[in-house]
Amino acid sequence: MSLTVSSCIRCGTTVFPARYLCPVCGGAEWSEIEAARGTVTALTVVRHRVGAHNSGDVHLASVAMQAGPTVIACLKSVAEKGDTVCLALDEQHRIVASRS
């Protein structure tokens, strides 16, 4: 599934997740923009998760989307800070990133 952000029709501000009103101008009309790519700005590894025995490490990244907002994504492949990644939603609607 593709990942989208909302763009305010009145002022062009982009937000994620979607909101009822624009935080900049108060507008209530939005258009959807596909947010398929971004740049990794930070990385972390979650090694121990409560209640998830023997589940392995989870690699997370802060990704500055080319469309504007920054999101936290689960990495599907190894990435480094500064890498360009492709963004998508998985079957459970989690944001996932993989190297382009």
Protein backbone atom coordinates (compact mmCIF):
# COMPACT_ATOMS: atom_id res chain seq x y z
CA MET A 1 0.00 0.00 0.00
CA SER A 2 1.21 3.49 -0.70
CA LEU A 3 1.76 6.08 2.00
CA THR A 4 0.10 9.48 1.60
CA VAL A 5 0.26 12.80 3.43
CA SER A 6 -2.36 15.55 3.52
CA SER A 7 -1.69 18.93 1.92
CA CYS A 8 -3.77 21.96 2.89
CA ILE A 9 -5.50 23.40 -0.18
CA ARG A 10 -5.37 26.94 1.26
CA CYS A 11 -1.71 27.26 2.35
CA GLY A 12 0.08 24.10 1.13
CA THR A 13 1.16 22.85 4.57
CA THR A 14 1.69 19.07 4.59
CA VAL A 15 0.81 16.97 7.63
CA PHE A 16 0.94 13.35 8.71
CA PRO A 17 -1.19 11.88 10.10
CA ALA A 18 -4.27 13.57 8.63
CA ARG A 19 -5.98 16.31 10.67
CA TYR A 20 -9.35 18.00 10.58
CA LEU A 21 -7.90 21.53 10.49
CA CYS A 22 -4.62 22.89 9.17
CA PRO A 23 -2.31 23.84 12.08
CA VAL A 24 -1.04 26.87 10.11
CA CYS A 25 -4.09 28.52 8.52
CA GLY A 26 -7.09 26.67 9.99
CA GLY A 27 -8.20 25.42 6.57
CA ALA A 28 -10.35 22.29 6.40
CA GLU A 29 -9.85 21.24 2.77
CA TRP A 30 -7.09 18.76 1.99
CA SER A 31 -5.55 16.96 -0.97
CA GLU A 32 -3.63 13.70 -0.70
CA ILE A 33 0.00 13.51 -1.86
CA GLU A 34 1.85 10.23 -2.28
CA ALA A 35 4.87 10.08 0.02
CA ALA A 36 6.88 7.26 -1.52
CA ARG A 37 10.42 8.39 -0.66
CA GLY A 38 12.40 10.02 2.09
CA THR A 39 15.83 10.40 3.71
CA VAL A 40 16.93 8.57 6.86
CA THR A 41 17.80 11.14 9.54
CA ALA A 42 18.25 8.85 12.58
CA LEU A 43 18.40 5.13 13.37
CA THR A 44 17.75 2.99 16.43
CA VAL A 45 17.44 -0.70 17.29
CA VAL A 46 14.85 -2.07 19.73
CA ARG A 47 16.41 -5.23 21.18
CA HIS A 48 14.08 -6.18 24.03
CA ARG A 49 10.34 -5.80 23.71
CA VAL A 50 8.04 -6.54 26.65
CA GLY A 51 5.92 -9.62 25.92
CA ALA A 52 7.70 -10.44 22.66
CA HIS A 53 9.96 -13.34 23.59
CA ASN A 54 12.59 -14.44 21.02
CA SER A 55 11.19 -12.04 18.44
CA GLY A 56 14.49 -10.53 17.31
CA ASP A 57 15.62 -6.96 16.92
CA VAL A 58 13.46 -4.25 15.36
CA HIS A 59 15.32 -1.63 13.32
CA LEU A 60 13.62 1.78 13.25
CA ALA A 61 14.43 4.98 11.37
CA SER A 62 13.29 8.57 11.45
CA VAL A 63 12.60 9.41 7.81
CA ALA A 64 12.17 12.96 6.48
CA MET A 65 9.68 12.45 3.65
CA GLN A 66 10.25 14.36 0.41
CA ALA A 67 6.61 15.42 0.77
CA GLY A 68 7.41 17.22 4.05
CA PRO A 69 6.68 15.51 7.39
CA THR A 70 9.03 13.17 9.29
CA VAL A 71 7.85 9.68 10.27
CA ILE A 72 9.19 6.71 12.24
CA ALA A 73 9.44 3.65 9.98
CA CYS A 74 10.39 0.01 10.47
CA LEU A 75 13.36 -0.83 8.25
CA LYS A 76 12.94 -3.83 5.95
CA SER A 77 16.58 -3.68 4.84
CA VAL A 78 19.84 -2.25 6.17
CA ALA A 79 20.06 1.53 5.84
CA GLU A 80 22.41 4.26 7.01
CA LYS A 81 21.83 7.86 8.02
CA GLY A 82 21.47 9.94 4.84
CA ASP A 83 20.21 7.04 2.69
CA THR A 84 17.17 7.54 0.48
CA VAL A 85 14.47 4.97 1.24
CA CYS A 86 11.13 3.94 -0.26
CA LEU A 87 8.15 4.22 2.10
CA ALA A 88 5.00 2.10 2.14
CA LEU A 89 2.33 0.73 4.46
CA ASP A 90 2.38 -2.99 5.28
CA GLU A 91 -0.66 -5.25 5.75
CA GLN A 92 -1.09 -3.98 9.32
CA HIS A 93 -0.84 -0.32 8.20
CA ARG A 94 2.61 0.17 9.75
CA ILE A 95 5.06 2.45 7.94
CA VAL A 96 7.94 0.44 6.48
CA ALA A 97 11.07 1.65 4.70
CA SER A 98 13.47 -0.10 2.36
CA ARG A 99 16.52 1.13 0.49
CA SER A 100 15.77 2.33 -3.01
